PDB file of N, CA and C in Angstrom:
ATOM      1  N   MET A   1       0.835  -1.180   0.000  1.00  0.00           N
ATOM      2  CA  MET A   1       0.000   0.000   0.000  1.00  0.00           C
ATOM      3  C   MET A   1       0.881   1.246   0.000  1.00  0.00           C
ATOM      4  N   THR A   2       0.432   2.259  -0.699  1.00  0.00           N
ATOM      5  CA  THR A   2       1.131   3.527  -0.744  1.00  0.00           C
ATOM      6  C   THR A   2       0.923   4.273   0.564  1.00  0.00           C
ATOM      7  N   ASP A   3       1.936   5.031   0.961  1.00  0.00           N
ATOM      8  CA  ASP A   3       1.805   5.821   2.176  1.00  0.00           C
ATOM      9  C   ASP A   3       0.633   6.785   2.078  1.00  0.00           C
ATOM     10  N   ILE A   4      -0.026   6.994   3.213  1.00  0.00           N
ATOM     11  CA  ILE A   4      -1.100   7.980   3.319  1.00  0.00           C
ATOM     12  C   ILE A   4      -0.456   9.358   3.302  1.00  0.00           C
ATOM     13  N   GLN A   5      -1.064  10.274   2.581  1.00  0.00           N
ATOM     14  CA  GLN A   5      -0.605  11.657   2.582  1.00  0.00           C
ATOM     15  C   GLN A   5      -1.404  12.392   3.658  1.00  0.00           C
ATOM     16  N   VAL A   6      -0.716  13.028   4.595  1.00  0.00           N
ATOM     17  CA  VAL A   6      -1.364  13.727   5.691  1.00  0.00           C
ATOM     18  C   VAL A   6      -1.014  15.207   5.569  1.00  0.00           C
ATOM     19  N   TYR A   7      -2.040  16.050   5.524  1.00  0.00           N
ATOM     20  CA  TYR A   7      -1.847  17.484   5.374  1.00  0.00           C
ATOM     21  C   TYR A   7      -2.310  18.198   6.629  1.00  0.00           C
ATOM     22  N   GLY A   8      -1.488  19.135   7.095  1.00  0.00           N
ATOM     23  CA  GLY A   8      -1.844  19.886   8.296  1.00  0.00           C
ATOM     24  C   GLY A   8      -0.755  20.873   8.636  1.00  0.00           C
ATOM     25  N   LEU A   9      -0.675  21.207   9.913  1.00  0.00           N
ATOM     26  CA  LEU A   9       0.339  22.128  10.429  1.00  0.00           C
ATOM     27  C   LEU A   9       1.184  21.386  11.452  1.00  0.00           C
ATOM     28  N   LYS A  10       2.501  21.547  11.373  1.00  0.00           N
ATOM     29  CA  LYS A  10       3.379  20.773  12.251  1.00  0.00           C
ATOM     30  C   LYS A  10       3.169  21.111  13.729  1.00  0.00           C
ATOM     31  N   ASN A  11       2.680  22.300  14.044  1.00  0.00           N
ATOM     32  CA  ASN A  11       2.465  22.680  15.440  1.00  0.00           C
ATOM     33  C   ASN A  11       1.041  22.431  15.924  1.00  0.00           C
ATOM     34  N   CYS A  12       0.189  21.899  15.080  1.00  0.00           N
ATOM     35  CA  CYS A  12      -1.196  21.604  15.438  1.00  0.00           C
ATOM     36  C   CYS A  12      -1.238  20.363  16.339  1.00  0.00           C
ATOM     37  N   ASP A  13      -1.852  20.487  17.509  1.00  0.00           N
ATOM     38  CA  ASP A  13      -1.910  19.357  18.440  1.00  0.00           C
ATOM     39  C   ASP A  13      -2.621  18.149  17.843  1.00  0.00           C
ATOM     40  N   THR A  14      -3.702  18.386  17.105  1.00  0.00           N
ATOM     41  CA  THR A  14      -4.431  17.263  16.508  1.00  0.00           C
ATOM     42  C   THR A  14      -3.572  16.562  15.463  1.00  0.00           C
ATOM     43  N   CYS A  15      -2.823  17.330  14.690  1.00  0.00           N
ATOM     44  CA  CYS A  15      -1.927  16.724  13.693  1.00  0.00           C
ATOM     45  C   CYS A  15      -0.831  15.916  14.384  1.00  0.00           C
ATOM     46  N   LYS A  16      -0.297  16.426  15.478  1.00  0.00           N
ATOM     47  CA  LYS A  16       0.727  15.691  16.225  1.00  0.00           C
ATOM     48  C   LYS A  16       0.169  14.364  16.744  1.00  0.00           C
ATOM     49  N   LYS A  17      -1.059  14.413  17.293  1.00  0.00           N
ATOM     50  CA  LYS A  17      -1.681  13.188  17.807  1.00  0.00           C
ATOM     51  C   LYS A  17      -1.921  12.182  16.687  1.00  0.00           C
ATOM     52  N   ALA A  18      -2.381  12.680  15.560  1.00  0.00           N
ATOM     53  CA  ALA A  18      -2.651  11.792  14.426  1.00  0.00           C
ATOM     54  C   ALA A  18      -1.366  11.124  13.932  1.00  0.00           C
ATOM     55  N   ARG A  19      -0.307  11.887  13.824  1.00  0.00           N
ATOM     56  CA  ARG A  19       0.965  11.331  13.360  1.00  0.00           C
ATOM     57  C   ARG A  19       1.503  10.303  14.345  1.00  0.00           C
ATOM     58  N   ALA A  20       1.398  10.588  15.634  1.00  0.00           N
ATOM     59  CA  ALA A  20       1.850   9.634  16.652  1.00  0.00           C
ATOM     60  C   ALA A  20       1.009   8.358  16.591  1.00  0.00           C
ATOM     61  N   TRP A  21      -0.285   8.503  16.420  1.00  0.00           N
ATOM     62  CA  TRP A  21      -1.192   7.357  16.335  1.00  0.00           C
ATOM     63  C   TRP A  21      -0.818   6.490  15.137  1.00  0.00           C
ATOM     64  N   LEU A  22      -0.565   7.118  13.989  1.00  0.00           N
ATOM     65  CA  LEU A  22      -0.164   6.376  12.797  1.00  0.00           C
ATOM     66  C   LEU A  22       1.174   5.665  13.021  1.00  0.00           C
ATOM     67  N   ASP A  23       2.120   6.361  13.636  1.00  0.00           N
ATOM     68  CA  ASP A  23       3.433   5.764  13.924  1.00  0.00           C
ATOM     69  C   ASP A  23       3.303   4.549  14.841  1.00  0.00           C
ATOM     70  N   GLN A  24       2.484   4.657  15.881  1.00  0.00           N
ATOM     71  CA  GLN A  24       2.303   3.559  16.826  1.00  0.00           C
ATOM     72  C   GLN A  24       1.748   2.306  16.155  1.00  0.00           C
ATOM     73  N   ARG A  25       1.005   2.492  15.090  1.00  0.00           N
ATOM     74  CA  ARG A  25       0.387   1.366  14.385  1.00  0.00           C
ATOM     75  C   ARG A  25       1.138   0.993  13.107  1.00  0.00           C
ATOM     76  N   ASP A  26       2.301   1.584  12.931  1.00  0.00           N
ATOM     77  CA  ASP A  26       3.122   1.325  11.733  1.00  0.00           C
ATOM     78  C   ASP A  26       2.342   1.530  10.438  1.00  0.00           C
ATOM     79  N   ILE A  27       1.527   2.575  10.416  1.00  0.00           N
ATOM     80  CA  ILE A  27       0.792   2.929   9.205  1.00  0.00           C
ATOM     81  C   ILE A  27       1.632   3.972   8.469  1.00  0.00           C
ATOM     82  N   GLY A  28       2.094   3.609   7.285  1.00  0.00           N
ATOM     83  CA  GLY A  28       2.967   4.493   6.518  1.00  0.00           C
ATOM     84  C   GLY A  28       2.262   5.779   6.126  1.00  0.00           C
ATOM     85  N   HIS A  29       2.944   6.890   6.325  1.00  0.00           N
ATOM     86  CA  HIS A  29       2.360   8.177   5.969  1.00  0.00           C
ATOM     87  C   HIS A  29       3.463   9.195   5.689  1.00  0.00           C
ATOM     88  N   VAL A  30       3.091  10.198   4.936  1.00  0.00           N
ATOM     89  CA  VAL A  30       3.975  11.319   4.646  1.00  0.00           C
ATOM     90  C   VAL A  30       3.229  12.565   5.090  1.00  0.00           C
ATOM     91  N   PHE A  31       3.869  13.359   5.947  1.00  0.00           N
ATOM     92  CA  PHE A  31       3.228  14.573   6.455  1.00  0.00           C
ATOM     93  C   PHE A  31       3.636  15.777   5.627  1.00  0.00           C
ATOM     94  N   HIS A  32       2.652  16.593   5.293  1.00  0.00           N
ATOM     95  CA  HIS A  32       2.886  17.824   4.533  1.00  0.00           C
ATOM     96  C   HIS A  32       2.408  19.006   5.375  1.00  0.00           C
ATOM     97  N   ASP A  33       3.329  19.858   5.775  1.00  0.00           N
ATOM     98  CA  ASP A  33       2.954  21.084   6.489  1.00  0.00           C
ATOM     99  C   ASP A  33       2.507  22.090   5.431  1.00  0.00           C
ATOM    100  N   VAL A  34       1.255  22.499   5.493  1.00  0.00           N
ATOM    101  CA  VAL A  34       0.689  23.350   4.447  1.00  0.00           C
ATOM    102  C   VAL A  34       1.171  24.795   4.517  1.00  0.00           C
ATOM    103  N   ARG A  35       1.872  25.142   5.581  1.00  0.00           N
ATOM    104  CA  ARG A  35       2.503  26.465   5.611  1.00  0.00           C
ATOM    105  C   ARG A  35       3.869  26.412   4.928  1.00  0.00           C
ATOM    106  N   GLU A  36       4.606  25.345   5.157  1.00  0.00           N
ATOM    107  CA  GLU A  36       5.944  25.206   4.569  1.00  0.00           C
ATOM    108  C   GLU A  36       5.881  24.839   3.092  1.00  0.00           C
ATOM    109  N   ALA A  37       4.903  24.044   2.721  1.00  0.00           N
ATOM    110  CA  ALA A  37       4.713  23.640   1.320  1.00  0.00           C
ATOM    111  C   ALA A  37       3.239  23.887   0.980  1.00  0.00           C
ATOM    112  N   PRO A  38       2.910  25.123   0.598  1.00  0.00           N
ATOM    113  CA  PRO A  38       1.505  25.474   0.353  1.00  0.00           C
ATOM    114  C   PRO A  38       0.840  24.566  -0.678  1.00  0.00           C
ATOM    115  N   LEU A  39      -0.430  24.346  -0.455  1.00  0.00           N
ATOM    116  CA  LEU A  39      -1.232  23.561  -1.383  1.00  0.00           C
ATOM    117  C   LEU A  39      -1.435  24.351  -2.670  1.00  0.00           C
ATOM    118  N   ASP A  40      -1.699  23.638  -3.748  1.00  0.00           N
ATOM    119  CA  ASP A  40      -1.998  24.335  -4.997  1.00  0.00           C
ATOM    120  C   ASP A  40      -3.518  24.456  -5.161  1.00  0.00           C
ATOM    121  N   ARG A  41      -3.916  25.380  -6.015  1.00  0.00           N
ATOM    122  CA  ARG A  41      -5.344  25.665  -6.231  1.00  0.00           C
ATOM    123  C   ARG A  41      -6.101  24.425  -6.697  1.00  0.00           C
ATOM    124  N   LYS A  42      -5.493  23.633  -7.566  1.00  0.00           N
ATOM    125  CA  LYS A  42      -6.163  22.438  -8.093  1.00  0.00           C
ATOM    126  C   LYS A  42      -6.520  21.464  -6.965  1.00  0.00           C
ATOM    127  N   THR A  43      -5.598  21.259  -6.036  1.00  0.00           N
ATOM    128  CA  THR A  43      -5.832  20.338  -4.919  1.00  0.00           C
ATOM    129  C   THR A  43      -6.939  20.859  -4.015  1.00  0.00           C
ATOM    130  N   VAL A  44      -6.853  22.122  -3.617  1.00  0.00           N
ATOM    131  CA  VAL A  44      -7.864  22.693  -2.715  1.00  0.00           C
ATOM    132  C   VAL A  44      -9.232  22.683  -3.386  1.00  0.00           C
ATOM    133  N   ALA A  45      -9.289  23.052  -4.659  1.00  0.00           N
ATOM    134  CA  ALA A  45     -10.566  23.056  -5.379  1.00  0.00           C
ATOM    135  C   ALA A  45     -11.164  21.647  -5.443  1.00  0.00           C
ATOM    136  N   ALA A  46     -10.324  20.647  -5.663  1.00  0.00           N
ATOM    137  CA  ALA A  46     -10.811  19.257  -5.715  1.00  0.00           C
ATOM    138  C   ALA A  46     -11.352  18.823  -4.355  1.00  0.00           C
ATOM    139  N   TRP A  47     -10.661  19.195  -3.278  1.00  0.00           N
ATOM    140  CA  TRP A  47     -11.135  18.847  -1.940  1.00  0.00           C
ATOM    141  C   TRP A  47     -12.469  19.523  -1.647  1.00  0.00           C
ATOM    142  N   ILE A  48     -12.610  20.775  -2.054  1.00  0.00           N
ATOM    143  CA  ILE A  48     -13.872  21.485  -1.835  1.00  0.00           C
ATOM    144  C   ILE A  48     -14.982  20.836  -2.644  1.00  0.00           C
ATOM    145  N   ASP A  49     -14.696  20.448  -3.885  1.00  0.00           N
ATOM    146  CA  ASP A  49     -15.694  19.760  -4.703  1.00  0.00           C
ATOM    147  C   ASP A  49     -16.124  18.447  -4.056  1.00  0.00           C
ATOM    148  N   GLU A  50     -15.154  17.721  -3.505  1.00  0.00           N
ATOM    149  CA  GLU A  50     -15.444  16.411  -2.899  1.00  0.00           C
ATOM    150  C   GLU A  50     -16.136  16.533  -1.549  1.00  0.00           C
ATOM    151  N   LEU A  51     -15.641  17.433  -0.717  1.00  0.00           N
ATOM    152  CA  LEU A  51     -16.072  17.477   0.681  1.00  0.00           C
ATOM    153  C   LEU A  51     -16.976  18.650   1.036  1.00  0.00           C
ATOM    154  N   GLY A  52     -16.907  19.705   0.254  1.00  0.00           N
ATOM    155  CA  GLY A  52     -17.664  20.915   0.551  1.00  0.00           C
ATOM    156  C   GLY A  52     -16.865  21.865   1.420  1.00  0.00           C
ATOM    157  N   SER A  53     -17.074  23.145   1.204  1.00  0.00           N
ATOM    158  CA  SER A  53     -16.323  24.141   1.976  1.00  0.00           C
ATOM    159  C   SER A  53     -16.724  24.130   3.442  1.00  0.00           C
ATOM    160  N   ASP A  54     -17.974  23.783   3.741  1.00  0.00           N
ATOM    161  CA  ASP A  54     -18.395  23.729   5.149  1.00  0.00           C
ATOM    162  C   ASP A  54     -17.608  22.682   5.921  1.00  0.00           C
ATOM    163  N   THR A  55     -17.240  21.616   5.254  1.00  0.00           N
ATOM    164  CA  THR A  55     -16.460  20.565   5.893  1.00  0.00           C
ATOM    165  C   THR A  55     -14.990  20.945   5.980  1.00  0.00           C
ATOM    166  N   LEU A  56     -14.480  21.622   4.966  1.00  0.00           N
ATOM    167  CA  LEU A  56     -13.047  21.894   4.893  1.00  0.00           C
ATOM    168  C   LEU A  56     -12.601  23.124   5.682  1.00  0.00           C
ATOM    169  N   ILE A  57     -13.486  24.112   5.842  1.00  0.00           N
ATOM    170  CA  ILE A  57     -13.089  25.343   6.538  1.00  0.00           C
ATOM    171  C   ILE A  57     -13.452  25.251   8.010  1.00  0.00           C
ATOM    172  N   ASN A  58     -12.474  25.564   8.848  1.00  0.00           N
ATOM    173  CA  ASN A  58     -12.663  25.579  10.296  1.00  0.00           C
ATOM    174  C   ASN A  58     -13.188  26.950  10.703  1.00  0.00           C
ATOM    175  N   ARG A  59     -14.488  27.009  10.968  1.00  0.00           N
ATOM    176  CA  ARG A  59     -15.115  28.276  11.338  1.00  0.00           C
ATOM    177  C   ARG A  59     -15.097  28.521  12.847  1.00  0.00           C
ATOM    178  N   ARG A  60     -14.468  27.627  13.593  1.00  0.00           N
ATOM    179  CA  ARG A  60     -14.397  27.796  15.049  1.00  0.00           C
ATOM    180  C   ARG A  60     -13.039  28.296  15.520  1.00  0.00           C
ATOM    181  N   GLY A  61     -12.079  28.357  14.620  1.00  0.00           N
ATOM    182  CA  GLY A  61     -10.711  28.707  14.994  1.00  0.00           C
ATOM    183  C   GLY A  61     -10.436  30.198  15.005  1.00  0.00           C
ATOM    184  N   THR A  62      -9.295  30.527  15.549  1.00  0.00           N
ATOM    185  CA  THR A  62      -8.848  31.916  15.653  1.00  0.00           C
ATOM    186  C   THR A  62      -8.701  32.564  14.282  1.00  0.00           C
ATOM    187  N   THR A  63      -8.165  31.837  13.334  1.00  0.00           N
ATOM    188  CA  THR A  63      -7.943  32.409  12.006  1.00  0.00           C
ATOM    189  C   THR A  63      -9.257  32.887  11.406  1.00  0.00           C
ATOM    190  N   TRP A  64     -10.305  32.081  11.510  1.00  0.00           N
ATOM    191  CA  TRP A  64     -11.624  32.466  10.992  1.00  0.00           C
ATOM    192  C   TRP A  64     -12.140  33.703  11.712  1.00  0.00           C
ATOM    193  N   ARG A  65     -12.041  33.711  13.024  1.00  0.00           N
ATOM    194  CA  ARG A  65     -12.568  34.843  13.805  1.00  0.00           C
ATOM    195  C   ARG A  65     -11.835  36.140  13.518  1.00  0.00           C
ATOM    196  N   GLN A  66     -10.581  36.040  13.090  1.00  0.00           N
ATOM    197  CA  GLN A  66      -9.803  37.240  12.800  1.00  0.00           C
ATOM    198  C   GLN A  66     -10.060  37.795  11.398  1.00  0.00           C
ATOM    199  N   LEU A  67     -10.757  37.038  10.565  1.00  0.00           N
ATOM    200  CA  LEU A  67     -11.087  37.526   9.227  1.00  0.00           C
ATOM    201  C   LEU A  67     -12.180  38.585   9.312  1.00  0.00           C
ATOM    202  N   SER A  68     -12.157  39.512   8.383  1.00  0.00           N
ATOM    203  CA  SER A  68     -13.231  40.506   8.304  1.00  0.00           C
ATOM    204  C   SER A  68     -14.511  39.810   7.860  1.00  0.00           C
ATOM    205  N   ALA A  69     -15.636  40.456   8.096  1.00  0.00           N
ATOM    206  CA  ALA A  69     -16.921  39.904   7.655  1.00  0.00           C
ATOM    207  C   ALA A  69     -16.928  39.730   6.139  1.00  0.00           C
ATOM    208  N   ALA A  70     -16.305  40.654   5.432  1.00  0.00           N
ATOM    209  CA  ALA A  70     -16.243  40.552   3.969  1.00  0.00           C
ATOM    210  C   ALA A  70     -15.458  39.316   3.536  1.00  0.00           C
ATOM    211  N   ASP A  71     -14.338  39.051   4.213  1.00  0.00           N
ATOM    212  CA  ASP A  71     -13.556  37.860   3.883  1.00  0.00           C
ATOM    213  C   ASP A  71     -14.321  36.592   4.246  1.00  0.00           C
ATOM    214  N   GLN A  72     -14.968  36.586   5.400  1.00  0.00           N
ATOM    215  CA  GLN A  72     -15.766  35.417   5.784  1.00  0.00           C
ATOM    216  C   GLN A  72     -16.860  35.129   4.761  1.00  0.00           C
ATOM    217  N   ALA A  73     -17.435  36.176   4.208  1.00  0.00           N
ATOM    218  CA  ALA A  73     -18.505  36.003   3.215  1.00  0.00           C
ATOM    219  C   ALA A  73     -17.992  35.318   1.955  1.00  0.00           C
ATOM    220  N   LYS A  74     -16.712  35.433   1.683  1.00  0.00           N
ATOM    221  CA  LYS A  74     -16.136  34.792   0.496  1.00  0.00           C
ATOM    222  C   LYS A  74     -16.244  33.275   0.560  1.00  0.00           C
ATOM    223  N   ALA A  75     -16.366  32.731   1.760  1.00  0.00           N
ATOM    224  CA  ALA A  75     -16.432  31.276   1.921  1.00  0.00           C
ATOM    225  C   ALA A  75     -17.753  30.695   1.438  1.00  0.00           C
ATOM    226  N   ALA A  76     -18.696  31.552   1.058  1.00  0.00           N
ATOM    227  CA  ALA A  76     -20.011  31.083   0.626  1.00  0.00           C
ATOM    228  C   ALA A  76     -19.971  30.333  -0.697  1.00  0.00           C
ATOM    229  N   ASP A  77     -18.978  30.604  -1.535  1.00  0.00           N
ATOM    230  CA  ASP A  77     -18.888  29.860  -2.797  1.00  0.00           C
ATOM    231  C   ASP A  77     -17.535  29.153  -2.874  1.00  0.00           C
ATOM    232  N   ALA A  78     -17.470  28.164  -3.731  1.00  0.00           N
ATOM    233  CA  ALA A  78     -16.283  27.303  -3.808  1.00  0.00           C
ATOM    234  C   ALA A  78     -15.023  28.080  -4.170  1.00  0.00           C
ATOM    235  N   ALA A  79     -15.116  28.987  -5.126  1.00  0.00           N
ATOM    236  CA  ALA A  79     -13.928  29.736  -5.541  1.00  0.00           C
ATOM    237  C   ALA A  79     -13.422  30.631  -4.414  1.00  0.00           C
ATOM    238  N   GLY A  80     -14.338  31.279  -3.719  1.00  0.00           N
ATOM    239  CA  GLY A  80     -13.947  32.130  -2.595  1.00  0.00           C
ATOM    240  C   GLY A  80     -13.355  31.322  -1.453  1.00  0.00           C
ATOM    241  N   ALA A  81     -13.943  30.159  -1.175  1.00  0.00           N
ATOM    242  CA  ALA A  81     -13.422  29.288  -0.121  1.00  0.00           C
ATOM    243  C   ALA A  81     -12.013  28.830  -0.469  1.00  0.00           C
ATOM    244  N   CYS A  82     -11.804  28.505  -1.725  1.00  0.00           N
ATOM    245  CA  CYS A  82     -10.475  28.085  -2.188  1.00  0.00           C
ATOM    246  C   CYS A  82      -9.473  29.220  -1.991  1.00  0.00           C
ATOM    247  N   ASP A  83      -9.840  30.439  -2.388  1.00  0.00           N
ATOM    248  CA  ASP A  83      -8.962  31.599  -2.206  1.00  0.00           C
ATOM    249  C   ASP A  83      -8.595  31.794  -0.741  1.00  0.00           C
ATOM    250  N   LEU A  84      -9.586  31.657   0.146  1.00  0.00           N
ATOM    251  CA  LEU A  84      -9.335  31.848   1.580  1.00  0.00           C
ATOM    252  C   LEU A  84      -8.350  30.815   2.125  1.00  0.00           C
ATOM    253  N   ILE A  85      -8.533  29.554   1.756  1.00  0.00           N
ATOM    254  CA  ILE A  85      -7.642  28.499   2.250  1.00  0.00           C
ATOM    255  C   ILE A  85      -6.226  28.694   1.717  1.00  0.00           C
ATOM    256  N   LEU A  86      -6.112  29.097   0.474  1.00  0.00           N
ATOM    257  CA  LEU A  86      -4.784  29.339  -0.092  1.00  0.00           C
ATOM    258  C   LEU A  86      -4.095  30.516   0.596  1.00  0.00           C
ATOM    259  N   ALA A  87      -4.868  31.541   0.948  1.00  0.00           N
ATOM    260  CA  ALA A  87      -4.299  32.723   1.611  1.00  0.00           C
ATOM    261  C   ALA A  87      -4.045  32.487   3.096  1.00  0.00           C
ATOM    262  N   HIS A  88      -4.867  31.627   3.709  1.00  0.00           N
ATOM    263  CA  HIS A  88      -4.789  31.377   5.154  1.00  0.00           C
ATOM    264  C   HIS A  88      -4.851  29.861   5.395  1.00  0.00           C
ATOM    265  N   PRO A  89      -3.727  29.159   5.261  1.00  0.00           N
ATOM    266  CA  PRO A  89      -3.749  27.692   5.388  1.00  0.00           C
ATOM    267  C   PRO A  89      -4.301  27.191   6.725  1.00  0.00           C
ATOM    268  N   ALA A  90      -4.198  27.984   7.773  1.00  0.00           N
ATOM    269  CA  ALA A  90      -4.708  27.551   9.081  1.00  0.00           C
ATOM    270  C   ALA A  90      -6.232  27.506   9.114  1.00  0.00           C
ATOM    271  N   LEU A  91      -6.914  28.018   8.083  1.00  0.00           N
ATOM    272  CA  LEU A  91      -8.373  27.921   8.007  1.00  0.00           C
ATOM    273  C   LEU A  91      -8.843  26.500   7.747  1.00  0.00           C
ATOM    274  N   MET A  92      -7.968  25.697   7.181  1.00  0.00           N
ATOM    275  CA  MET A  92      -8.332  24.328   6.823  1.00  0.00           C
ATOM    276  C   MET A  92      -8.463  23.475   8.077  1.00  0.00           C
ATOM    277  N   LYS A  93      -9.556  22.721   8.158  1.00  0.00           N
ATOM    278  CA  LYS A  93      -9.671  21.747   9.239  1.00  0.00           C
ATOM    279  C   LYS A  93      -8.565  20.728   9.046  1.00  0.00           C
ATOM    280  N   ARG A  94      -8.042  20.247  10.162  1.00  0.00           N
ATOM    281  CA  ARG A  94      -6.882  19.365  10.078  1.00  0.00           C
ATOM    282  C   ARG A  94      -7.015  18.193  11.053  1.00  0.00           C
ATOM    283  N   PRO A  95      -6.256  17.182  10.716  1.00  0.00           N
ATOM    284  CA  PRO A  95      -5.514  16.931   9.483  1.00  0.00           C
ATOM    285  C   PRO A  95      -6.441  16.484   8.363  1.00  0.00           C
ATOM    286  N   VAL A  96      -5.924  16.562   7.146  1.00  0.00           N
ATOM    287  CA  VAL A  96      -6.593  15.983   5.978  1.00  0.00           C
ATOM    288  C   VAL A  96      -5.771  14.759   5.601  1.00  0.00           C
ATOM    289  N   PHE A  97      -6.431  13.622   5.575  1.00  0.00           N
ATOM    290  CA  PHE A  97      -5.792  12.369   5.166  1.00  0.00           C
ATOM    291  C   PHE A  97      -6.194  12.091   3.728  1.00  0.00           C
ATOM    292  N   ASP A  98      -5.222  12.003   2.838  1.00  0.00           N
ATOM    293  CA  ASP A  98      -5.498  11.661   1.454  1.00  0.00           C
ATOM    294  C   ASP A  98      -5.172  10.187   1.286  1.00  0.00           C
ATOM    295  N   LEU A  99      -6.217   9.389   1.124  1.00  0.00           N
ATOM    296  CA  LEU A  99      -6.065   7.944   1.002  1.00  0.00           C
ATOM    297  C   LEU A  99      -6.013   7.500  -0.455  1.00  0.00           C
ATOM    298  N   GLY A 100      -5.975   8.462  -1.363  1.00  0.00           N
ATOM    299  CA  GLY A 100      -5.977   8.144  -2.784  1.00  0.00           C
ATOM    300  C   GLY A 100      -7.389   8.090  -3.324  1.00  0.00           C
ATOM    301  N   ARG A 101      -8.195   7.194  -2.789  1.00  0.00           N
ATOM    302  CA  ARG A 101      -9.571   7.034  -3.257  1.00  0.00           C
ATOM    303  C   ARG A 101     -10.545   7.962  -2.545  1.00  0.00           C
ATOM    304  N   GLU A 102     -10.152   8.473  -1.390  1.00  0.00           N
ATOM    305  CA  GLU A 102     -11.006   9.379  -0.616  1.00  0.00           C
ATOM    306  C   GLU A 102     -10.153  10.202   0.335  1.00  0.00           C
ATOM    307  N   ARG A 103     -10.750  11.255   0.843  1.00  0.00           N
ATOM    308  CA  ARG A 103     -10.106  12.108   1.826  1.00  0.00           C
ATOM    309  C   ARG A 103     -10.891  12.050   3.137  1.00  0.00           C
ATOM    310  N   LEU A 104     -10.166  12.113   4.235  1.00  0.00           N
ATOM    311  CA  LEU A 104     -10.765  12.189   5.567  1.00  0.00           C
ATOM    312  C   LEU A 104     -10.297  13.484   6.211  1.00  0.00           C
ATOM    313  N   ILE A 105     -11.178  14.118   6.959  1.00  0.00           N
ATOM    314  CA  ILE A 105     -10.799  15.351   7.644  1.00  0.00           C
ATOM    315  C   ILE A 105     -11.033  15.183   9.128  1.00  0.00           C
ATOM    316  N   GLY A 106     -10.049  15.590   9.911  1.00  0.00           N
ATOM    317  CA  GLY A 106     -10.147  15.505  11.362  1.00  0.00           C
ATOM    318  C   GLY A 106      -9.558  14.202  11.867  1.00  0.00           C
ATOM    319  N   PHE A 107      -9.586  14.071  13.187  1.00  0.00           N
ATOM    320  CA  PHE A 107      -8.998  12.874  13.777  1.00  0.00           C
ATOM    321  C   PHE A 107      -9.815  12.433  14.984  1.00  0.00           C
ATOM    322  N   GLY A 108     -10.966  11.855  14.699  1.00  0.00           N
ATOM    323  CA  GLY A 108     -11.843  11.319  15.737  1.00  0.00           C
ATOM    324  C   GLY A 108     -12.072   9.836  15.505  1.00  0.00           C
ATOM    325  N   LYS A 109     -13.038   9.277  16.198  1.00  0.00           N
ATOM    326  CA  LYS A 109     -13.310   7.843  16.101  1.00  0.00           C
ATOM    327  C   LYS A 109     -13.636   7.379  14.679  1.00  0.00           C
ATOM    328  N   PRO A 110     -14.422   8.149  13.913  1.00  0.00           N
ATOM    329  CA  PRO A 110     -14.685   7.679  12.540  1.00  0.00           C
ATOM    330  C   PRO A 110     -13.406   7.567  11.695  1.00  0.00           C
ATOM    331  N   GLN A 111     -12.509   8.526  11.854  1.00  0.00           N
ATOM    332  CA  GLN A 111     -11.249   8.490  11.108  1.00  0.00           C
ATOM    333  C   GLN A 111     -10.362   7.357  11.619  1.00  0.00           C
ATOM    334  N   HIS A 112     -10.341   7.147  12.937  1.00  0.00           N
ATOM    335  CA  HIS A 112      -9.560   6.038  13.502  1.00  0.00           C
ATOM    336  C   HIS A 112      -9.984   4.719  12.867  1.00  0.00           C
ATOM    337  N   ALA A 113     -11.304   4.502  12.763  1.00  0.00           N
ATOM    338  CA  ALA A 113     -11.818   3.247  12.236  1.00  0.00           C
ATOM    339  C   ALA A 113     -11.372   3.024  10.790  1.00  0.00           C
ATOM    340  N   VAL A 114     -11.471   4.061   9.968  1.00  0.00           N
ATOM    341  CA  VAL A 114     -11.071   3.927   8.566  1.00  0.00           C
ATOM    342  C   VAL A 114      -9.584   3.681   8.460  1.00  0.00           C
ATOM    343  N   LEU A 115      -8.794   4.451   9.189  1.00  0.00           N
ATOM    344  CA  LEU A 115      -7.336   4.329   9.117  1.00  0.00           C
ATOM    345  C   LEU A 115      -6.856   2.982   9.669  1.00  0.00           C
ATOM    346  N   ALA A 116      -7.468   2.505  10.733  1.00  0.00           N
ATOM    347  CA  ALA A 116      -7.064   1.226  11.328  1.00  0.00           C
ATOM    348  C   ALA A 116      -7.369   0.068  10.405  1.00  0.00           C
ATOM    349  N   ALA A 117      -8.353   0.217   9.525  1.00  0.00           N
ATOM    350  CA  ALA A 117      -8.733  -0.853   8.615  1.00  0.00           C
ATOM    351  C   ALA A 117      -7.845  -0.938   7.381  1.00  0.00           C
ATOM    352  N   LEU A 118      -6.931   0.027   7.236  1.00  0.00           N
ATOM    353  CA  LEU A 118      -6.052   0.018   6.045  1.00  0.00           C
ATOM    354  C   LEU A 118      -4.991  -1.064   6.144  1.00  0.00           C
TER     355      LEU A 118
END
């Protein structure tokens, strides 16, 4: 099996927990810090098409709250949501697991079950 691609921020506690969990289970993965190696528009647009901007954008975080109302309104459509994530990578819910055939967002029990079954 090909390594899972994991996207997030290296200082994000949830990303750290996810990486440790994968390591403990010897599940091969490659971590991509989206600040150090920014995502491209094609990737973000595909994720939004697959998952929806409501799923991909973290509206509970500090980054979202610090945006102006005008910038927040941009998240209403796919192109605007893509622009926001590209400009502010911390807006993305994390981690994003790219399994090739599907993407998972976050690191809770549903994600544990899918990842453990690989």
